[in-house]
Amino acid sequence: MKKRNWLIYALLAPTCWGIWGALTEIPEKWISPPFPPTLGYVVWSLTMVPVALFVLSRVDWKIERTPRAVAYGCAVGFSGALGQLLLFYVLNQGPAFIIFPIICLSPVVTILLSATLLGERTRTLGAIGIFLAAPAILLLSLQQKSDVILQGHLWLFWTICIFFLWGPQAYFMKSSTQYVSSEGLFLYISATGLLLSPIALLMTNFLVPINWGWKGPVLTAAIQGFNAVGVLLFVYAVRYGKAIIVVPMVNGMYPLITILLSLAIYHNIPNRYNLAGMALAVVSVVAMGFDEARPPSPAAPDMVAG
C-alpha cells in the first residue's frame, strides 16, 4: 500500500512544509516580543517526538539497532538538523538573496547521486520534469536584494556546507532501505534533532525580550507540527518512490505553496522571478507525477535523469 501511495506522500509532504513555511513567520516576526527561530528549532525537535512514538507504535516498537542502521540514521538526521542550525548562523552573516538560491539547488546533488549510485531511472516526461525543477526551485528562492552588512566571506563557506549537507540527505534515506525501516529512520532523525537542540539554545540571545506566552512556544509548536509531519511524509515518499523524482518534486512544490499562502495571509506579492518559478514548478510537478503514476510501457525505455 505504501509503495503504491508514494505520490500521495510526495504531495502531502510539501503541503505540510508549505503551510509551515507560510506560518512560521507569525511567532518570529509578527508578534511582539517575537519567539526567535533558534528556539523554534528546539520546539520543532520536541514536536518530532510524539510523531516518532506514534509511527513506532504502529510497527510494534520495532527499532533496528545495527551499526549500519544507526550510521544511516545519524547521517540523515545530522545532515538535515546541522544544516538547519548553520542556516540560522549564515542568515545573520550574509545576504539571504544569495544564500537561499545556493541552498535550494541542493536537490541537484540528490539527483546525481540517485542516478549514478542508485541507478534510478525515469522516462521522457519525468526527465523533462526533473530538468525543469532546477530552474523552478532557483527562481522560487530568489529574493529582493537587501541592505545587510556583510561580515566577511565565511558565510559563503558555511552556505556551501549546507548545500552539501542537504544534497545527499535523500540519497542516504533511499540507500538505507535494507538496513533500517522508515519508522526506525524517523526515530533516528528525531533523536539527532534533539541532540543538537543545546546548540540552538547557545545560539539564542536571551538578553532580548522573548515571548514565553501561548503565542510563543505554544503557537510555535502548533506550526512546527506541520514541519514534523512533513518530515515523516518525506521519508515515506523517498523510501517508496524514486528519490530522483521525489526530491525535485517536493522541493519545487513546498515554496510554491508557501508563496501562495503568504500572498493570501500577508498579501506578499511575489516578484517576477517567483512568478516564473511558480509556473515552471507546476509544469515540472505535473510532468513528474503523471509520468511516474502511469503504468510502465515496454516500448518506452527508461531515461537517465541528471
Protein backbone atom coordinates (compact mmCIF):
# COMPACT_ATOMS: atom_id res chain seq x y z
CA MET A 1 0.00 0.00 0.00
CA LYS A 2 2.76 2.44 0.93
CA LYS A 3 4.67 1.70 -2.25
CA ARG A 4 1.59 2.42 -4.36
CA ASN A 5 0.91 5.63 -2.42
CA TRP A 6 4.35 7.24 -2.79
CA LEU A 7 2.83 10.01 -4.92
CA ILE A 8 0.33 10.86 -2.17
CA TYR A 9 3.20 11.18 0.30
CA ALA A 10 5.16 13.28 -2.21
CA LEU A 11 2.21 15.67 -2.50
CA LEU A 12 1.32 15.81 1.20
CA ALA A 13 4.92 16.42 2.39
CA PRO A 14 5.36 19.75 0.53
CA THR A 15 1.81 20.72 1.52
CA CYS A 16 2.75 20.38 5.20
CA TRP A 17 6.06 22.16 4.65
CA GLY A 18 4.38 24.89 2.60
CA ILE A 19 1.91 25.59 5.42
CA TRP A 20 4.77 25.55 7.94
CA GLY A 21 6.84 27.90 5.77
CA ALA A 22 3.99 30.40 5.50
CA LEU A 23 3.01 30.35 9.18
CA THR A 24 6.46 30.18 10.77
CA GLU A 25 6.89 33.95 10.34
CA ILE A 26 3.99 34.67 12.72
CA PRO A 27 5.76 33.95 16.06
CA GLU A 28 9.13 35.04 14.63
CA LYS A 29 8.18 38.38 13.06
CA TRP A 30 4.51 39.28 13.54
CA ILE A 31 4.22 39.01 17.32
CA SER A 32 5.88 41.30 19.85
CA PRO A 33 8.04 40.27 21.54
CA PRO A 34 8.95 37.60 18.97
CA PHE A 35 9.85 33.97 19.51
CA PRO A 36 13.34 33.52 17.98
CA PRO A 37 13.86 30.91 15.24
CA THR A 38 16.60 29.16 17.20
CA LEU A 39 14.05 28.38 19.92
CA GLY A 40 11.71 27.43 17.10
CA TYR A 41 14.24 24.75 16.20
CA VAL A 42 14.13 23.44 19.78
CA VAL A 43 10.34 23.32 19.69
CA TRP A 44 10.47 21.53 16.32
CA SER A 45 12.78 18.86 17.75
CA LEU A 46 10.27 18.30 20.56
CA THR A 47 7.31 18.03 18.16
CA MET A 48 9.17 15.26 16.34
CA VAL A 49 8.98 13.04 19.45
CA PRO A 50 5.20 12.37 19.55
CA VAL A 51 5.18 11.75 15.79
CA ALA A 52 8.04 9.25 16.18
CA LEU A 53 6.28 7.49 19.05
CA PHE A 54 3.08 7.27 17.03
CA VAL A 55 4.67 5.66 13.96
CA LEU A 56 6.73 3.28 16.11
CA SER A 57 3.59 2.14 17.91
CA ARG A 58 2.15 1.21 14.52
CA VAL A 59 5.04 -1.19 13.87
CA ASP A 60 5.09 -2.76 17.36
CA TRP A 61 8.09 -0.67 18.51
CA LYS A 62 10.49 -2.46 16.19
CA ILE A 63 13.73 -0.47 16.00
CA GLU A 64 16.84 -1.54 14.11
CA ARG A 65 19.93 -1.14 16.28
CA THR A 66 22.65 -2.49 13.98
CA PRO A 67 25.72 -0.30 13.38
CA ARG A 68 24.62 0.37 9.79
CA ALA A 69 21.11 1.35 10.88
CA VAL A 70 22.50 3.78 13.45
CA ALA A 71 25.04 5.16 10.97
CA TYR A 72 22.43 5.78 8.29
CA GLY A 73 20.02 7.25 10.82
CA CYS A 74 22.67 9.65 12.11
CA ALA A 75 23.76 10.56 8.56
CA VAL A 76 20.20 11.51 7.59
CA GLY A 77 19.41 13.22 10.88
CA PHE A 78 22.58 15.22 11.35
CA SER A 79 22.75 16.32 7.71
CA GLY A 80 19.30 17.89 7.99
CA ALA A 81 19.47 19.26 11.52
CA LEU A 82 23.04 20.56 11.32
CA GLY A 83 22.24 22.25 8.01
CA GLN A 84 19.28 23.99 9.65
CA LEU A 85 21.42 25.29 12.52
CA LEU A 86 24.07 26.54 10.10
CA LEU A 87 21.34 28.34 8.18
CA PHE A 88 20.42 30.35 11.29
CA TYR A 89 24.06 31.42 11.54
CA VAL A 90 24.69 32.34 7.90
CA LEU A 91 21.50 34.36 7.61
CA ASN A 92 22.94 36.69 10.27
CA GLN A 93 26.23 36.96 8.39
CA GLY A 94 25.37 37.10 4.69
CA PRO A 95 22.62 38.14 2.25
CA ALA A 96 19.56 35.89 2.02
CA PHE A 97 19.13 36.70 -1.68
CA ILE A 98 22.42 34.85 -2.34
CA ILE A 99 22.21 32.20 0.38
CA PHE A 100 18.81 30.73 -0.48
CA PRO A 101 19.41 30.25 -4.24
CA ILE A 102 22.61 28.32 -3.46
CA ILE A 103 20.99 26.10 -0.84
CA CYS A 104 17.81 25.46 -2.79
CA LEU A 105 19.77 23.87 -5.63
CA SER A 106 20.91 21.05 -3.32
CA PRO A 107 18.43 18.61 -4.98
CA VAL A 108 20.83 18.56 -7.92
CA VAL A 109 23.24 16.60 -5.69
CA THR A 110 20.47 14.14 -4.82
CA ILE A 111 19.60 13.66 -8.49
CA LEU A 112 23.21 12.98 -9.46
CA LEU A 113 23.75 10.52 -6.59
CA SER A 114 20.47 8.74 -7.27
CA ALA A 115 21.20 8.39 -10.99
CA THR A 116 24.82 7.29 -10.64
CA LEU A 117 24.99 5.32 -7.36
CA LEU A 118 21.42 4.04 -7.01
CA GLY A 119 20.87 3.58 -10.74
CA GLU A 120 17.44 5.25 -10.64
CA ARG A 121 15.86 5.99 -13.99
CA THR A 122 12.80 7.77 -15.29
CA ARG A 123 11.04 8.08 -18.61
CA THR A 124 10.98 11.01 -21.01
CA LEU A 125 8.23 13.05 -19.35
CA GLY A 126 9.70 12.52 -15.89
CA ALA A 127 13.14 13.57 -17.14
CA ILE A 128 11.66 16.77 -18.55
CA GLY A 129 10.02 17.47 -15.19
CA ILE A 130 13.34 16.95 -13.38
CA PHE A 131 15.20 19.31 -15.70
CA LEU A 132 12.51 21.95 -15.24
CA ALA A 133 12.59 21.57 -11.45
CA ALA A 134 16.09 23.01 -11.01
CA PRO A 135 15.37 26.43 -12.59
CA ALA A 136 11.93 26.45 -10.93
CA ILE A 137 13.44 25.96 -7.46
CA LEU A 138 16.09 28.60 -8.20
CA LEU A 139 13.52 31.17 -9.33
CA LEU A 140 11.24 30.44 -6.37
CA SER A 141 14.11 31.07 -3.96
CA LEU A 142 15.19 34.43 -5.39
CA GLN A 143 14.55 37.32 -3.02
CA GLN A 144 14.84 41.08 -3.07
CA LYS A 145 18.34 42.44 -2.58
CA SER A 146 18.73 43.63 0.99
CA ASP A 147 20.97 46.19 2.68
CA VAL A 148 22.52 43.65 5.04
CA ILE A 149 26.07 44.47 6.12
CA LEU A 150 28.35 41.61 5.14
CA GLN A 151 30.59 40.23 7.87
CA GLY A 152 33.48 38.75 5.93
CA HIS A 153 33.15 35.86 3.49
CA LEU A 154 32.91 32.95 5.92
CA TRP A 155 29.13 32.89 5.42
CA LEU A 156 29.68 31.70 1.85
CA PHE A 157 31.75 28.75 3.05
CA TRP A 158 29.03 27.71 5.52
CA THR A 159 26.36 28.17 2.84
CA ILE A 160 28.23 25.72 0.61
CA CYS A 161 28.47 23.34 3.58
CA ILE A 162 24.67 23.45 3.94
CA PHE A 163 24.39 22.70 0.22
CA PHE A 164 26.45 19.54 0.62
CA LEU A 165 24.70 18.56 3.86
CA TRP A 166 21.19 18.72 2.43
CA GLY A 167 22.06 17.39 -1.03
CA PRO A 168 22.96 13.80 -0.02
CA GLN A 169 20.27 13.52 2.68
CA ALA A 170 17.59 11.91 0.49
CA TYR A 171 20.25 9.63 -1.03
CA PHE A 172 21.04 8.32 2.46
CA MET A 173 17.31 7.85 3.09
CA LYS A 174 16.97 5.73 -0.03
CA SER A 175 20.22 3.77 0.18
CA SER A 176 19.49 2.73 3.78
CA THR A 177 16.27 0.89 2.88
CA GLN A 178 17.61 -2.62 3.52
CA TYR A 179 19.21 -1.67 6.84
CA VAL A 180 16.59 0.41 8.66
CA SER A 181 12.82 0.80 8.34
CA SER A 182 11.17 4.12 7.54
CA GLU A 183 9.83 4.30 11.09
CA GLY A 184 13.21 3.49 12.61
CA LEU A 185 14.88 6.07 10.37
CA PHE A 186 12.40 8.71 11.51
CA LEU A 187 13.22 7.88 15.12
CA TYR A 188 16.93 8.45 14.47
CA ILE A 189 16.12 11.73 12.71
CA SER A 190 14.13 12.81 15.77
CA ALA A 191 16.92 11.77 18.14
CA THR A 192 19.62 13.68 16.25
CA GLY A 193 17.40 16.75 16.15
CA LEU A 194 17.09 16.62 19.93
CA LEU A 195 20.83 16.10 20.38
CA LEU A 196 21.54 19.35 18.52
CA SER A 197 18.98 21.36 20.49
CA PRO A 198 21.57 22.59 23.05
CA ILE A 199 23.47 24.23 20.17
CA ALA A 200 20.31 26.09 19.20
CA LEU A 201 19.94 27.23 22.80
CA LEU A 202 23.52 28.53 22.81
CA MET A 203 22.79 30.44 19.59
CA THR A 204 19.79 32.17 21.18
CA ASN A 205 20.15 35.70 22.53
CA PHE A 206 18.28 35.52 25.85
CA LEU A 207 19.12 39.16 26.63
CA VAL A 208 16.40 40.40 24.28
CA PRO A 209 12.66 40.09 25.11
CA ILE A 210 11.21 36.69 24.19
CA ASN A 211 7.55 35.76 24.06
CA TRP A 212 7.06 32.94 26.57
CA GLY A 213 3.25 33.04 26.40
CA TRP A 214 0.97 30.86 24.33
CA LYS A 215 1.81 32.97 21.26
CA GLY A 216 5.43 31.92 21.68
CA PRO A 217 6.24 28.24 22.33
CA VAL A 218 2.62 27.00 22.13
CA LEU A 219 1.86 28.64 18.79
CA THR A 220 5.29 27.64 17.52
CA ALA A 221 4.63 24.02 18.49
CA ALA A 222 1.38 24.01 16.53
CA ILE A 223 3.16 25.41 13.47
CA GLN A 224 6.22 23.18 13.81
CA GLY A 225 3.90 20.19 13.97
CA PHE A 226 3.36 20.63 10.23
CA ASN A 227 7.13 20.52 9.78
CA ALA A 228 7.44 17.31 11.81
CA VAL A 229 4.66 15.53 9.91
CA GLY A 230 6.18 16.77 6.64
CA VAL A 231 9.49 15.13 7.53
CA LEU A 232 7.75 11.79 8.10
CA LEU A 233 5.83 12.04 4.83
CA PHE A 234 9.05 12.95 3.00
CA VAL A 235 10.76 9.84 4.39
CA TYR A 236 7.89 7.67 3.16
CA ALA A 237 7.88 9.38 -0.24
CA VAL A 238 11.62 8.86 -0.76
CA ARG A 239 11.53 5.29 0.53
CA TYR A 240 8.61 4.12 -1.61
CA GLY A 241 9.16 6.31 -4.67
CA LYS A 242 12.24 7.31 -6.64
CA ALA A 243 14.47 9.85 -4.93
CA ILE A 244 15.34 11.21 -8.36
CA ILE A 245 11.65 12.17 -8.76
CA VAL A 246 10.50 12.81 -5.18
CA VAL A 247 13.20 15.29 -4.16
CA PRO A 248 12.79 17.80 -7.03
CA MET A 249 9.01 17.41 -6.82
CA VAL A 250 8.87 18.19 -3.11
CA ASN A 251 11.45 21.00 -3.31
CA GLY A 252 9.55 22.57 -6.16
CA MET A 253 6.13 22.32 -4.55
CA TYR A 254 6.60 23.50 -0.99
CA PRO A 255 7.97 27.01 -1.76
CA LEU A 256 5.14 27.33 -4.31
CA ILE A 257 2.58 26.59 -1.57
CA THR A 258 4.37 28.92 0.86
CA ILE A 259 4.28 31.78 -1.65
CA LEU A 260 0.58 31.25 -2.37
CA LEU A 261 -0.31 31.14 1.33
CA SER A 262 1.88 34.18 2.06
CA LEU A 263 0.01 36.03 -0.68
CA ALA A 264 -3.32 35.14 0.94
CA ILE A 265 -2.27 35.77 4.57
CA TYR A 266 0.23 38.64 4.38
CA HIS A 267 -0.57 39.97 0.89
CA ASN A 268 3.07 39.50 -0.08
CA ILE A 269 3.24 39.94 -3.85
CA PRO A 270 5.77 37.54 -5.41
CA ASN A 271 8.38 39.12 -7.67
CA ARG A 272 8.58 38.32 -11.38
CA TYR A 273 11.21 35.65 -10.81
CA ASN A 274 9.00 33.91 -8.26
CA LEU A 275 6.06 34.04 -10.67
CA ALA A 276 8.16 32.42 -13.40
CA GLY A 277 9.33 29.81 -10.90
CA MET A 278 5.74 29.08 -9.88
CA ALA A 279 4.75 28.42 -13.47
CA LEU A 280 7.77 26.16 -14.04
CA ALA A 281 7.14 24.32 -10.77
CA VAL A 282 3.56 23.50 -11.74
CA VAL A 283 4.63 22.13 -15.12
CA SER A 284 7.51 20.20 -13.53
CA VAL A 285 5.39 18.59 -10.80
CA VAL A 286 2.62 17.63 -13.20
CA ALA A 287 5.13 16.09 -15.62
CA MET A 288 6.92 14.06 -12.95
CA GLY A 289 3.75 12.98 -11.17
CA PHE A 290 1.96 11.93 -14.35
CA ASP A 291 4.96 10.09 -15.76
CA GLU A 292 5.63 8.09 -12.59
CA ALA A 293 1.97 7.42 -11.78
CA ARG A 294 1.12 5.81 -15.13
CA PRO A 295 1.93 2.12 -15.69
CA PRO A 296 5.25 1.38 -17.42
CA SER A 297 5.24 0.81 -21.17
CA PRO A 298 7.54 -1.91 -22.57
CA ALA A 299 8.04 0.17 -25.68
CA ALA A 300 9.17 3.25 -23.77
CA PRO A 301 12.74 2.81 -22.42
CA ASP A 302 13.77 4.47 -19.20
CA MET A 303 15.97 7.53 -19.38
CA VAL A 304 18.71 8.64 -17.05
CA ALA A 305 17.81 11.93 -15.37
CA GLY A 306 20.58 14.13 -14.08
